[in-house]
Structure formats: C-alpha cells, structure tokens
Amino acid sequence: MAKLKMVEYPTSSAAKSAAFLEAVFGWQGISYGPLYEDVPIGEGISLGLQADLAEAPNQPLVVIEVDDLRAVREKVEAADGVVTVEPFSFPGGTRMHFQEPGGNVLAAYVPQMDLP
C-alpha cells in the first residue's frame, strides 16, 4: 500500500526553516547535520528541509512509501513515467525519484531495502 510520508523542500537554511516551523506550529525538527532537518508533523508524515544545493529538489518533492520499489519502477515506466534518480540508500531506506508525464517529480521509497 502506498502512503504519503514526506514532502521535502529546498531551503537556504535547514536550521532556520525548522526553527520557524517550531515557533509557528510547535513541530520539533530532528537534525541530520547542518544541511538537513526532518520535521515530523503528525500521523507519520514529515517535512524534509534540504539545504544541500547538490541534493535539494527544485520544487517540493512528495515522497511516497511503497512496499516494493522494483514493482513501482516497472509501473512508473509502463505508465510513461521516467526515473530521474536511480534507487539510492539513505538513512531509513532506499528511494528513487521519477517524473510523471505532466512534469512533476515525485519519490518512492521502501524502508531499509537493500540495493540490488
């Protein structure tokens, strides 16, 4: 089953963005170094604040948890989507990015999946 898990945003300062969200909404961030903050907002959904320009998305990136990354890749490609970032490991799992035919980029991830 697919579940919305995160929306990742580019930011010029992960710490300042996280502090703002805490001051306004009471959401406390979890720092993964000076360039990334994970801000849980409830019901298993987080905001990711990415300040690393080499990794930051150009626009908000919706991250969807899936059961089988390989199966999702096959469905993306069969539905005229394009994988834009090959599967990679990150703290917590493995994910890939893809573009749907309308031009939006999304990500799918599986918690703690080993790469092939």
PDB file of N, CA and C in Angstrom:
ATOM      1  N   MET A   1       0.848  -1.182   0.000  1.00  0.00           N
ATOM      2  CA  MET A   1       0.000   0.000   0.000  1.00  0.00           C
ATOM      3  C   MET A   1       0.889   1.239   0.000  1.00  0.00           C
ATOM      4  N   ALA A   2       0.572   2.197  -0.835  1.00  0.00           N
ATOM      5  CA  ALA A   2       1.332   3.435  -0.914  1.00  0.00           C
ATOM      6  C   ALA A   2       0.803   4.431   0.108  1.00  0.00           C
ATOM      7  N   LYS A   3       1.752   5.113   0.799  1.00  0.00           N
ATOM      8  CA  LYS A   3       1.387   6.100   1.819  1.00  0.00           C
ATOM      9  C   LYS A   3       2.244   7.343   1.661  1.00  0.00           C
ATOM     10  N   LEU A   4       1.610   8.504   1.701  1.00  0.00           N
ATOM     11  CA  LEU A   4       2.366   9.749   1.716  1.00  0.00           C
ATOM     12  C   LEU A   4       3.158   9.794   3.021  1.00  0.00           C
ATOM     13  N   LYS A   5       4.471   9.989   2.929  1.00  0.00           N
ATOM     14  CA  LYS A   5       5.314  10.004   4.119  1.00  0.00           C
ATOM     15  C   LYS A   5       6.009  11.338   4.351  1.00  0.00           C
ATOM     16  N   MET A   6       6.327  12.047   3.265  1.00  0.00           N
ATOM     17  CA  MET A   6       7.137  13.242   3.432  1.00  0.00           C
ATOM     18  C   MET A   6       6.957  14.169   2.241  1.00  0.00           C
ATOM     19  N   VAL A   7       7.120  15.453   2.506  1.00  0.00           N
ATOM     20  CA  VAL A   7       7.297  16.429   1.447  1.00  0.00           C
ATOM     21  C   VAL A   7       8.624  17.110   1.752  1.00  0.00           C
ATOM     22  N   GLU A   8       9.556  17.005   0.816  1.00  0.00           N
ATOM     23  CA  GLU A   8      10.885  17.577   1.008  1.00  0.00           C
ATOM     24  C   GLU A   8      10.962  18.903   0.271  1.00  0.00           C
ATOM     25  N   TYR A   9      11.458  19.918   0.948  1.00  0.00           N
ATOM     26  CA  TYR A   9      11.549  21.267   0.404  1.00  0.00           C
ATOM     27  C   TYR A   9      12.995  21.717   0.322  1.00  0.00           C
ATOM     28  N   PRO A  10      13.326  22.489  -0.712  1.00  0.00           N
ATOM     29  CA  PRO A  10      14.630  23.144  -0.714  1.00  0.00           C
ATOM     30  C   PRO A  10      14.585  24.323   0.257  1.00  0.00           C
ATOM     31  N   THR A  11      15.691  24.627   0.876  1.00  0.00           N
ATOM     32  CA  THR A  11      15.767  25.760   1.800  1.00  0.00           C
ATOM     33  C   THR A  11      17.193  26.301   1.800  1.00  0.00           C
ATOM     34  N   SER A  12      17.325  27.567   2.107  1.00  0.00           N
ATOM     35  CA  SER A  12      18.669  28.136   2.226  1.00  0.00           C
ATOM     36  C   SER A  12      19.268  27.857   3.602  1.00  0.00           C
ATOM     37  N   SER A  13      18.418  27.503   4.574  1.00  0.00           N
ATOM     38  CA  SER A  13      18.892  27.167   5.920  1.00  0.00           C
ATOM     39  C   SER A  13      17.927  26.180   6.568  1.00  0.00           C
ATOM     40  N   ALA A  14      18.350  24.930   6.659  1.00  0.00           N
ATOM     41  CA  ALA A  14      17.510  23.898   7.279  1.00  0.00           C
ATOM     42  C   ALA A  14      17.202  24.255   8.732  1.00  0.00           C
ATOM     43  N   ALA A  15      18.196  24.742   9.459  1.00  0.00           N
ATOM     44  CA  ALA A  15      18.009  25.075  10.873  1.00  0.00           C
ATOM     45  C   ALA A  15      17.008  26.226  11.043  1.00  0.00           C
ATOM     46  N   LYS A  16      17.139  27.271  10.218  1.00  0.00           N
ATOM     47  CA  LYS A  16      16.227  28.416  10.334  1.00  0.00           C
ATOM     48  C   LYS A  16      14.800  28.026   9.937  1.00  0.00           C
ATOM     49  N   SER A  17      14.667  27.210   8.898  1.00  0.00           N
ATOM     50  CA  SER A  17      13.337  26.768   8.483  1.00  0.00           C
ATOM     51  C   SER A  17      12.698  25.908   9.564  1.00  0.00           C
ATOM     52  N   ALA A  18      13.488  25.010  10.166  1.00  0.00           N
ATOM     53  CA  ALA A  18      12.969  24.156  11.240  1.00  0.00           C
ATOM     54  C   ALA A  18      12.581  24.996  12.454  1.00  0.00           C
ATOM     55  N   ALA A  19      13.404  25.972  12.796  1.00  0.00           N
ATOM     56  CA  ALA A  19      13.087  26.844  13.941  1.00  0.00           C
ATOM     57  C   ALA A  19      11.799  27.624  13.680  1.00  0.00           C
ATOM     58  N   PHE A  20      11.594  28.069  12.455  1.00  0.00           N
ATOM     59  CA  PHE A  20      10.371  28.775  12.090  1.00  0.00           C
ATOM     60  C   PHE A  20       9.155  27.873  12.272  1.00  0.00           C
ATOM     61  N   LEU A  21       9.226  26.650  11.760  1.00  0.00           N
ATOM     62  CA  LEU A  21       8.098  25.722  11.876  1.00  0.00           C
ATOM     63  C   LEU A  21       7.803  25.371  13.332  1.00  0.00           C
ATOM     64  N   GLU A  22       8.856  25.294  14.153  1.00  0.00           N
ATOM     65  CA  GLU A  22       8.636  25.030  15.575  1.00  0.00           C
ATOM     66  C   GLU A  22       7.966  26.239  16.243  1.00  0.00           C
ATOM     67  N   ALA A  23       8.436  27.442  15.930  1.00  0.00           N
ATOM     68  CA  ALA A  23       7.867  28.652  16.544  1.00  0.00           C
ATOM     69  C   ALA A  23       6.414  28.859  16.146  1.00  0.00           C
ATOM     70  N   VAL A  24       6.088  28.580  14.898  1.00  0.00           N
ATOM     71  CA  VAL A  24       4.736  28.838  14.405  1.00  0.00           C
ATOM     72  C   VAL A  24       3.772  27.703  14.719  1.00  0.00           C
ATOM     73  N   PHE A  25       4.222  26.448  14.516  1.00  0.00           N
ATOM     74  CA  PHE A  25       3.320  25.308  14.630  1.00  0.00           C
ATOM     75  C   PHE A  25       3.627  24.355  15.777  1.00  0.00           C
ATOM     76  N   GLY A  26       4.778  24.537  16.426  1.00  0.00           N
ATOM     77  CA  GLY A  26       5.158  23.650  17.521  1.00  0.00           C
ATOM     78  C   GLY A  26       5.776  22.342  17.066  1.00  0.00           C
ATOM     79  N   TRP A  27       6.106  22.216  15.796  1.00  0.00           N
ATOM     80  CA  TRP A  27       6.717  20.991  15.271  1.00  0.00           C
ATOM     81  C   TRP A  27       8.217  21.033  15.516  1.00  0.00           C
ATOM     82  N   GLN A  28       8.740  20.039  16.222  1.00  0.00           N
ATOM     83  CA  GLN A  28      10.167  19.990  16.537  1.00  0.00           C
ATOM     84  C   GLN A  28      10.914  19.156  15.505  1.00  0.00           C
ATOM     85  N   GLY A  29      11.967  19.748  14.955  1.00  0.00           N
ATOM     86  CA  GLY A  29      12.760  19.068  13.944  1.00  0.00           C
ATOM     87  C   GLY A  29      13.787  18.126  14.539  1.00  0.00           C
ATOM     88  N   ILE A  30      14.198  17.187  13.716  1.00  0.00           N
ATOM     89  CA  ILE A  30      15.287  16.268  14.035  1.00  0.00           C
ATOM     90  C   ILE A  30      16.408  16.601  13.057  1.00  0.00           C
ATOM     91  N   SER A  31      17.542  17.023  13.586  1.00  0.00           N
ATOM     92  CA  SER A  31      18.651  17.459  12.752  1.00  0.00           C
ATOM     93  C   SER A  31      19.481  16.273  12.292  1.00  0.00           C
ATOM     94  N   TYR A  32      19.768  16.248  10.996  1.00  0.00           N
ATOM     95  CA  TYR A  32      20.686  15.267  10.420  1.00  0.00           C
ATOM     96  C   TYR A  32      21.889  16.016   9.881  1.00  0.00           C
ATOM     97  N   GLY A  33      22.465  16.854  10.694  1.00  0.00           N
ATOM     98  CA  GLY A  33      23.600  17.671  10.303  1.00  0.00           C
ATOM     99  C   GLY A  33      23.149  19.083   9.976  1.00  0.00           C
ATOM    100  N   PRO A  34      24.064  19.941   9.553  1.00  0.00           N
ATOM    101  CA  PRO A  34      23.725  21.341   9.329  1.00  0.00           C
ATOM    102  C   PRO A  34      22.875  21.593   8.081  1.00  0.00           C
ATOM    103  N   LEU A  35      22.758  20.596   7.204  1.00  0.00           N
ATOM    104  CA  LEU A  35      22.077  20.833   5.939  1.00  0.00           C
ATOM    105  C   LEU A  35      20.718  20.150   5.794  1.00  0.00           C
ATOM    106  N   TYR A  36      20.311  19.367   6.809  1.00  0.00           N
ATOM    107  CA  TYR A  36      19.035  18.652   6.662  1.00  0.00           C
ATOM    108  C   TYR A  36      18.306  18.554   7.994  1.00  0.00           C
ATOM    109  N   GLU A  37      17.025  18.836   7.950  1.00  0.00           N
ATOM    110  CA  GLU A  37      16.146  18.690   9.118  1.00  0.00           C
ATOM    111  C   GLU A  37      14.930  17.873   8.702  1.00  0.00           C
ATOM    112  N   ASP A  38      14.554  16.943   9.537  1.00  0.00           N
ATOM    113  CA  ASP A  38      13.320  16.181   9.368  1.00  0.00           C
ATOM    114  C   ASP A  38      12.352  16.718  10.415  1.00  0.00           C
ATOM    115  N   VAL A  39      11.176  17.184   9.972  1.00  0.00           N
ATOM    116  CA  VAL A  39      10.219  17.788  10.884  1.00  0.00           C
ATOM    117  C   VAL A  39       8.928  16.963  10.870  1.00  0.00           C
ATOM    118  N   PRO A  40       8.758  16.053  11.848  1.00  0.00           N
ATOM    119  CA  PRO A  40       7.513  15.286  11.914  1.00  0.00           C
ATOM    120  C   PRO A  40       6.329  16.218  12.194  1.00  0.00           C
ATOM    121  N   ILE A  41       5.270  16.075  11.395  1.00  0.00           N
ATOM    122  CA  ILE A  41       4.113  16.948  11.565  1.00  0.00           C
ATOM    123  C   ILE A  41       2.872  16.183  12.022  1.00  0.00           C
ATOM    124  N   GLY A  42       3.019  14.884  12.261  1.00  0.00           N
ATOM    125  CA  GLY A  42       1.901  14.080  12.759  1.00  0.00           C
ATOM    126  C   GLY A  42       1.463  13.010  11.789  1.00  0.00           C
ATOM    127  N   GLU A  43       0.853  11.966  12.330  1.00  0.00           N
ATOM    128  CA  GLU A  43       0.319  10.848  11.557  1.00  0.00           C
ATOM    129  C   GLU A  43       1.347  10.216  10.630  1.00  0.00           C
ATOM    130  N   GLY A  44       2.609  10.187  11.060  1.00  0.00           N
ATOM    131  CA  GLY A  44       3.674   9.546  10.295  1.00  0.00           C
ATOM    132  C   GLY A  44       4.156  10.333   9.089  1.00  0.00           C
ATOM    133  N   ILE A  45       3.810  11.615   9.005  1.00  0.00           N
ATOM    134  CA  ILE A  45       4.208  12.449   7.873  1.00  0.00           C
ATOM    135  C   ILE A  45       5.221  13.491   8.352  1.00  0.00           C
ATOM    136  N   SER A  46       6.232  13.738   7.530  1.00  0.00           N
ATOM    137  CA  SER A  46       7.280  14.700   7.866  1.00  0.00           C
ATOM    138  C   SER A  46       7.476  15.710   6.758  1.00  0.00           C
ATOM    139  N   LEU A  47       8.055  16.841   7.147  1.00  0.00           N
ATOM    140  CA  LEU A  47       8.585  17.797   6.181  1.00  0.00           C
ATOM    141  C   LEU A  47      10.100  17.639   6.215  1.00  0.00           C
ATOM    142  N   GLY A  48      10.712  17.475   5.070  1.00  0.00           N
ATOM    143  CA  GLY A  48      12.161  17.399   4.969  1.00  0.00           C
ATOM    144  C   GLY A  48      12.680  18.728   4.479  1.00  0.00           C
ATOM    145  N   LEU A  49      13.646  19.280   5.167  1.00  0.00           N
ATOM    146  CA  LEU A  49      14.199  20.586   4.821  1.00  0.00           C
ATOM    147  C   LEU A  49      15.638  20.386   4.359  1.00  0.00           C
ATOM    148  N   GLN A  50      15.861  20.497   3.054  1.00  0.00           N
ATOM    149  CA  GLN A  50      17.150  20.177   2.438  1.00  0.00           C
ATOM    150  C   GLN A  50      17.873  21.452   2.022  1.00  0.00           C
ATOM    151  N   ALA A  51      19.015  21.720   2.662  1.00  0.00           N
ATOM    152  CA  ALA A  51      19.806  22.903   2.341  1.00  0.00           C
ATOM    153  C   ALA A  51      21.047  22.572   1.516  1.00  0.00           C
ATOM    154  N   ASP A  52      21.282  21.305   1.230  1.00  0.00           N
ATOM    155  CA  ASP A  52      22.414  20.910   0.390  1.00  0.00           C
ATOM    156  C   ASP A  52      22.009  21.161  -1.060  1.00  0.00           C
ATOM    157  N   LEU A  53      22.588  22.176  -1.680  1.00  0.00           N
ATOM    158  CA  LEU A  53      22.193  22.557  -3.034  1.00  0.00           C
ATOM    159  C   LEU A  53      22.374  21.429  -4.038  1.00  0.00           C
ATOM    160  N   ALA A  54      23.332  20.540  -3.794  1.00  0.00           N
ATOM    161  CA  ALA A  54      23.558  19.421  -4.707  1.00  0.00           C
ATOM    162  C   ALA A  54      22.445  18.383  -4.622  1.00  0.00           C
ATOM    163  N   GLU A  55      21.729  18.335  -3.498  1.00  0.00           N
ATOM    164  CA  GLU A  55      20.679  17.337  -3.308  1.00  0.00           C
ATOM    165  C   GLU A  55      19.278  17.922  -3.220  1.00  0.00           C
ATOM    166  N   ALA A  56      19.154  19.213  -3.052  1.00  0.00           N
ATOM    167  CA  ALA A  56      17.844  19.836  -2.861  1.00  0.00           C
ATOM    168  C   ALA A  56      16.996  19.739  -4.125  1.00  0.00           C
ATOM    169  N   PRO A  57      15.724  19.420  -3.969  1.00  0.00           N
ATOM    170  CA  PRO A  57      14.848  19.420  -5.138  1.00  0.00           C
ATOM    171  C   PRO A  57      14.588  20.854  -5.598  1.00  0.00           C
ATOM    172  N   ASN A  58      14.223  21.014  -6.869  1.00  0.00           N
ATOM    173  CA  ASN A  58      13.915  22.352  -7.396  1.00  0.00           C
ATOM    174  C   ASN A  58      12.576  22.862  -6.904  1.00  0.00           C
ATOM    175  N   GLN A  59      11.724  21.950  -6.495  1.00  0.00           N
ATOM    176  CA  GLN A  59      10.379  22.267  -6.015  1.00  0.00           C
ATOM    177  C   GLN A  59      10.065  21.272  -4.911  1.00  0.00           C
ATOM    178  N   PRO A  60       8.994  21.474  -4.162  1.00  0.00           N
ATOM    179  CA  PRO A  60       8.655  20.477  -3.146  1.00  0.00           C
ATOM    180  C   PRO A  60       8.569  19.083  -3.769  1.00  0.00           C
ATOM    181  N   LEU A  61       9.128  18.109  -3.076  1.00  0.00           N
ATOM    182  CA  LEU A  61       9.199  16.726  -3.551  1.00  0.00           C
ATOM    183  C   LEU A  61       8.334  15.849  -2.653  1.00  0.00           C
ATOM    184  N   VAL A  62       7.267  15.289  -3.197  1.00  0.00           N
ATOM    185  CA  VAL A  62       6.397  14.385  -2.447  1.00  0.00           C
ATOM    186  C   VAL A  62       7.070  13.020  -2.403  1.00  0.00           C
ATOM    187  N   VAL A  63       7.210  12.467  -1.201  1.00  0.00           N
ATOM    188  CA  VAL A  63       7.853  11.165  -1.010  1.00  0.00           C
ATOM    189  C   VAL A  63       6.786  10.178  -0.541  1.00  0.00           C
ATOM    190  N   ILE A  64       6.645   9.079  -1.284  1.00  0.00           N
ATOM    191  CA  ILE A  64       5.605   8.088  -1.038  1.00  0.00           C
ATOM    192  C   ILE A  64       6.247   6.779  -0.620  1.00  0.00           C
ATOM    193  N   GLU A  65       5.828   6.249   0.527  1.00  0.00           N
ATOM    194  CA  GLU A  65       6.315   4.939   0.969  1.00  0.00           C
ATOM    195  C   GLU A  65       5.565   3.858   0.210  1.00  0.00           C
ATOM    196  N   VAL A  66       6.316   2.889  -0.312  1.00  0.00           N
ATOM    197  CA  VAL A  66       5.730   1.778  -1.056  1.00  0.00           C
ATOM    198  C   VAL A  66       6.263   0.459  -0.506  1.00  0.00           C
ATOM    199  N   ASP A  67       5.592  -0.623  -0.865  1.00  0.00           N
ATOM    200  CA  ASP A  67       6.018  -1.947  -0.402  1.00  0.00           C
ATOM    201  C   ASP A  67       7.134  -2.538  -1.250  1.00  0.00           C
ATOM    202  N   ASP A  68       7.164  -2.208  -2.545  1.00  0.00           N
ATOM    203  CA  ASP A  68       8.105  -2.840  -3.471  1.00  0.00           C
ATOM    204  C   ASP A  68       8.589  -1.797  -4.476  1.00  0.00           C
ATOM    205  N   LEU A  69       9.805  -1.322  -4.296  1.00  0.00           N
ATOM    206  CA  LEU A  69      10.347  -0.273  -5.152  1.00  0.00           C
ATOM    207  C   LEU A  69      10.519  -0.753  -6.592  1.00  0.00           C
ATOM    208  N   ARG A  70      10.913  -1.982  -6.763  1.00  0.00           N
ATOM    209  CA  ARG A  70      11.093  -2.510  -8.121  1.00  0.00           C
ATOM    210  C   ARG A  70       9.763  -2.555  -8.879  1.00  0.00           C
ATOM    211  N   ALA A  71       8.714  -2.987  -8.203  1.00  0.00           N
ATOM    212  CA  ALA A  71       7.386  -3.049  -8.836  1.00  0.00           C
ATOM    213  C   ALA A  71       6.893  -1.652  -9.191  1.00  0.00           C
ATOM    214  N   VAL A  72       7.135  -0.678  -8.309  1.00  0.00           N
ATOM    215  CA  VAL A  72       6.719   0.694  -8.592  1.00  0.00           C
ATOM    216  C   VAL A  72       7.492   1.231  -9.790  1.00  0.00           C
ATOM    217  N   ARG A  73       8.773   0.932  -9.861  1.00  0.00           N
ATOM    218  CA  ARG A  73       9.569   1.375 -11.015  1.00  0.00           C
ATOM    219  C   ARG A  73       8.973   0.840 -12.315  1.00  0.00           C
ATOM    220  N   GLU A  74       8.627  -0.437 -12.330  1.00  0.00           N
ATOM    221  CA  GLU A  74       8.038  -1.035 -13.529  1.00  0.00           C
ATOM    222  C   GLU A  74       6.731  -0.330 -13.901  1.00  0.00           C
ATOM    223  N   LYS A  75       5.912  -0.010 -12.902  1.00  0.00           N
ATOM    224  CA  LYS A  75       4.640   0.673 -13.157  1.00  0.00           C
ATOM    225  C   LYS A  75       4.870   2.101 -13.638  1.00  0.00           C
ATOM    226  N   VAL A  76       5.847   2.791 -13.055  1.00  0.00           N
ATOM    227  CA  VAL A  76       6.180   4.157 -13.485  1.00  0.00           C
ATOM    228  C   VAL A  76       6.553   4.146 -14.966  1.00  0.00           C
ATOM    229  N   GLU A  77       7.446   3.243 -15.336  1.00  0.00           N
ATOM    230  CA  GLU A  77       7.913   3.192 -16.721  1.00  0.00           C
ATOM    231  C   GLU A  77       6.800   2.750 -17.669  1.00  0.00           C
ATOM    232  N   ALA A  78       5.948   1.816 -17.251  1.00  0.00           N
ATOM    233  CA  ALA A  78       4.838   1.353 -18.086  1.00  0.00           C
ATOM    234  C   ALA A  78       3.796   2.450 -18.292  1.00  0.00           C
ATOM    235  N   ALA A  79       3.722   3.388 -17.355  1.00  0.00           N
ATOM    236  CA  ALA A  79       2.743   4.473 -17.430  1.00  0.00           C
ATOM    237  C   ALA A  79       3.353   5.746 -18.026  1.00  0.00           C
ATOM    238  N   ASP A  80       4.461   5.599 -18.766  1.00  0.00           N
ATOM    239  CA  ASP A  80       5.155   6.703 -19.433  1.00  0.00           C
ATOM    240  C   ASP A  80       5.825   7.677 -18.477  1.00  0.00           C
ATOM    241  N   GLY A  81       6.155   7.210 -17.277  1.00  0.00           N
ATOM    242  CA  GLY A  81       6.969   7.996 -16.367  1.00  0.00           C
ATOM    243  C   GLY A  81       8.438   7.733 -16.644  1.00  0.00           C
ATOM    244  N   VAL A  82       9.305   8.570 -16.092  1.00  0.00           N
ATOM    245  CA  VAL A  82      10.748   8.439 -16.297  1.00  0.00           C
ATOM    246  C   VAL A  82      11.442   8.485 -14.948  1.00  0.00           C
ATOM    247  N   VAL A  83      12.285   7.501 -14.678  1.00  0.00           N
ATOM    248  CA  VAL A  83      13.093   7.527 -13.460  1.00  0.00           C
ATOM    249  C   VAL A  83      14.157   8.601 -13.643  1.00  0.00           C
ATOM    250  N   THR A  84      14.192   9.568 -12.729  1.00  0.00           N
ATOM    251  CA  THR A  84      15.144  10.679 -12.834  1.00  0.00           C
ATOM    252  C   THR A  84      16.329  10.520 -11.887  1.00  0.00           C
ATOM    253  N   VAL A  85      16.151   9.772 -10.802  1.00  0.00           N
ATOM    254  CA  VAL A  85      17.239   9.461  -9.875  1.00  0.00           C
ATOM    255  C   VAL A  85      17.129   7.972  -9.570  1.00  0.00           C
ATOM    256  N   GLU A  86      18.173   7.241  -9.903  1.00  0.00           N
ATOM    257  CA  GLU A  86      18.201   5.800  -9.659  1.00  0.00           C
ATOM    258  C   GLU A  86      18.083   5.512  -8.164  1.00  0.00           C
ATOM    259  N   PRO A  87      17.618   4.314  -7.795  1.00  0.00           N
ATOM    260  CA  PRO A  87      17.499   3.972  -6.376  1.00  0.00           C
ATOM    261  C   PRO A  87      18.815   4.189  -5.620  1.00  0.00           C
ATOM    262  N   PHE A  88      18.703   4.787  -4.436  1.00  0.00           N
ATOM    263  CA  PHE A  88      19.873   5.032  -3.597  1.00  0.00           C
ATOM    264  C   PHE A  88      19.480   4.833  -2.140  1.00  0.00           C
ATOM    265  N   SER A  89      20.457   4.460  -1.344  1.00  0.00           N
ATOM    266  CA  SER A  89      20.240   4.275   0.089  1.00  0.00           C
ATOM    267  C   SER A  89      20.382   5.610   0.806  1.00  0.00           C
ATOM    268  N   PHE A  90      19.595   5.785   1.841  1.00  0.00           N
ATOM    269  CA  PHE A  90      19.675   6.952   2.715  1.00  0.00           C
ATOM    270  C   PHE A  90      19.315   6.456   4.107  1.00  0.00           C
ATOM    271  N   PRO A  91      19.567   7.240   5.152  1.00  0.00           N
ATOM    272  CA  PRO A  91      19.204   6.777   6.489  1.00  0.00           C
ATOM    273  C   PRO A  91      17.705   6.465   6.557  1.00  0.00           C
ATOM    274  N   GLY A  92      17.377   5.200   6.675  1.00  0.00           N
ATOM    275  CA  GLY A  92      15.981   4.796   6.782  1.00  0.00           C
ATOM    276  C   GLY A  92      15.449   3.996   5.618  1.00  0.00           C
ATOM    277  N   GLY A  93      16.196   3.895   4.531  1.00  0.00           N
ATOM    278  CA  GLY A  93      15.663   3.101   3.433  1.00  0.00           C
ATOM    279  C   GLY A  93      16.344   3.336   2.114  1.00  0.00           C
ATOM    280  N   THR A  94      15.604   3.043   1.044  1.00  0.00           N
ATOM    281  CA  THR A  94      16.067   3.195  -0.324  1.00  0.00           C
ATOM    282  C   THR A  94      14.980   3.921  -1.093  1.00  0.00           C
ATOM    283  N   ARG A  95      15.382   4.894  -1.914  1.00  0.00           N
ATOM    284  CA  ARG A  95      14.368   5.614  -2.688  1.00  0.00           C
ATOM    285  C   ARG A  95      14.863   5.921  -4.080  1.00  0.00           C
ATOM    286  N   MET A  96      13.899   6.251  -4.931  1.00  0.00           N
ATOM    287  CA  MET A  96      14.183   6.704  -6.284  1.00  0.00           C
ATOM    288  C   MET A  96      13.257   7.884  -6.574  1.00  0.00           C
ATOM    289  N   HIS A  97      13.650   8.698  -7.552  1.00  0.00           N
ATOM    290  CA  HIS A  97      12.821   9.816  -7.975  1.00  0.00           C
ATOM    291  C   HIS A  97      12.349   9.532  -9.394  1.00  0.00           C
ATOM    292  N   PHE A  98      11.166  10.021  -9.710  1.00  0.00           N
ATOM    293  CA  PHE A  98      10.635   9.815 -11.055  1.00  0.00           C
ATOM    294  C   PHE A  98       9.769  11.003 -11.454  1.00  0.00           C
ATOM    295  N   GLN A  99       9.650  11.174 -12.759  1.00  0.00           N
ATOM    296  CA  GLN A  99       8.830  12.252 -13.300  1.00  0.00           C
ATOM    297  C   GLN A  99       7.602  11.648 -13.966  1.00  0.00           C
ATOM    298  N   GLU A 100       6.445  12.173 -13.597  1.00  0.00           N
ATOM    299  CA  GLU A 100       5.210  11.703 -14.224  1.00  0.00           C
ATOM    300  C   GLU A 100       5.016  12.487 -15.523  1.00  0.00           C
ATOM    301  N   PRO A 101       4.153  12.020 -16.436  1.00  0.00           N
ATOM    302  CA  PRO A 101       4.028  12.652 -17.745  1.00  0.00           C
ATOM    303  C   PRO A 101       3.696  14.142 -17.725  1.00  0.00           C
ATOM    304  N   GLY A 102       3.106  14.657 -16.663  1.00  0.00           N
ATOM    305  CA  GLY A 102       2.798  16.079 -16.572  1.00  0.00           C
ATOM    306  C   GLY A 102       3.970  16.937 -16.153  1.00  0.00           C
ATOM    307  N   GLY A 103       5.107  16.308 -15.813  1.00  0.00           N
ATOM    308  CA  GLY A 103       6.317  17.045 -15.495  1.00  0.00           C
ATOM    309  C   GLY A 103       6.691  17.126 -14.028  1.00  0.00           C
ATOM    310  N   ASN A 104       5.810  16.664 -13.138  1.00  0.00           N
ATOM    311  CA  ASN A 104       6.124  16.718 -11.708  1.00  0.00           C
ATOM    312  C   ASN A 104       7.055  15.583 -11.311  1.00  0.00           C
ATOM    313  N   VAL A 105       7.986  15.885 -10.409  1.00  0.00           N
ATOM    314  CA  VAL A 105       8.898  14.873  -9.896  1.00  0.00           C
ATOM    315  C   VAL A 105       8.406  14.438  -8.523  1.00  0.00           C
ATOM    316  N   LEU A 106       8.358  13.136  -8.317  1.00  0.00           N
ATOM    317  CA  LEU A 106       7.967  12.538  -7.040  1.00  0.00           C
ATOM    318  C   LEU A 106       9.050  11.539  -6.646  1.00  0.00           C
ATOM    319  N   ALA A 107       8.936  11.008  -5.446  1.00  0.00           N
ATOM    320  CA  ALA A 107       9.869   9.980  -4.998  1.00  0.00           C
ATOM    321  C   ALA A 107       9.077   8.833  -4.377  1.00  0.00           C
ATOM    322  N   ALA A 108       9.602   7.625  -4.551  1.00  0.00           N
ATOM    323  CA  ALA A 108       9.047   6.450  -3.894  1.00  0.00           C
ATOM    324  C   ALA A 108      10.165   5.840  -3.072  1.00  0.00           C
ATOM    325  N   TYR A 109       9.806   5.352  -1.878  1.00  0.00           N
ATOM    326  CA  TYR A 109      10.846   4.737  -1.049  1.00  0.00           C
ATOM    327  C   TYR A 109      10.295   3.524  -0.308  1.00  0.00           C
ATOM    328  N   VAL A 110      11.238   2.650   0.024  1.00  0.00           N
ATOM    329  CA  VAL A 110      10.965   1.466   0.827  1.00  0.00           C
ATOM    330  C   VAL A 110      11.882   1.552   2.032  1.00  0.00           C
ATOM    331  N   PRO A 111      11.326   1.421   3.233  1.00  0.00           N
ATOM    332  CA  PRO A 111      12.182   1.446   4.420  1.00  0.00           C
ATOM    333  C   PRO A 111      13.182   0.277   4.413  1.00  0.00           C
ATOM    334  N   GLN A 112      14.446   0.568   4.618  1.00  0.00           N
ATOM    335  CA  GLN A 112      15.518  -0.413   4.810  1.00  0.00           C
ATOM    336  C   GLN A 112      15.617  -1.484   3.735  1.00  0.00           C
ATOM    337  N   MET A 113      15.405  -1.146   2.471  1.00  0.00           N
ATOM    338  CA  MET A 113      15.550  -2.103   1.386  1.00  0.00           C
ATOM    339  C   MET A 113      17.003  -2.106   0.915  1.00  0.00           C
ATOM    340  N   ASP A 114      17.552  -3.291   0.666  1.00  0.00           N
ATOM    341  CA  ASP A 114      18.911  -3.382   0.133  1.00  0.00           C
ATOM    342  C   ASP A 114      18.898  -3.131  -1.368  1.00  0.00           C
ATOM    343  N   LEU A 115      19.914  -2.424  -1.857  1.00  0.00           N
ATOM    344  CA  LEU A 115      20.036  -2.212  -3.292  1.00  0.00           C
ATOM    345  C   LEU A 115      20.409  -3.522  -3.965  1.00  0.00           C
ATOM    346  N   PRO A 116      20.019  -3.690  -5.255  1.00  0.00           N
ATOM    347  CA  PRO A 116      20.368  -4.931  -5.983  1.00  0.00           C
ATOM    348  C   PRO A 116      21.849  -5.057  -6.190  1.00  0.00           C
TER     349      PRO A 116
END
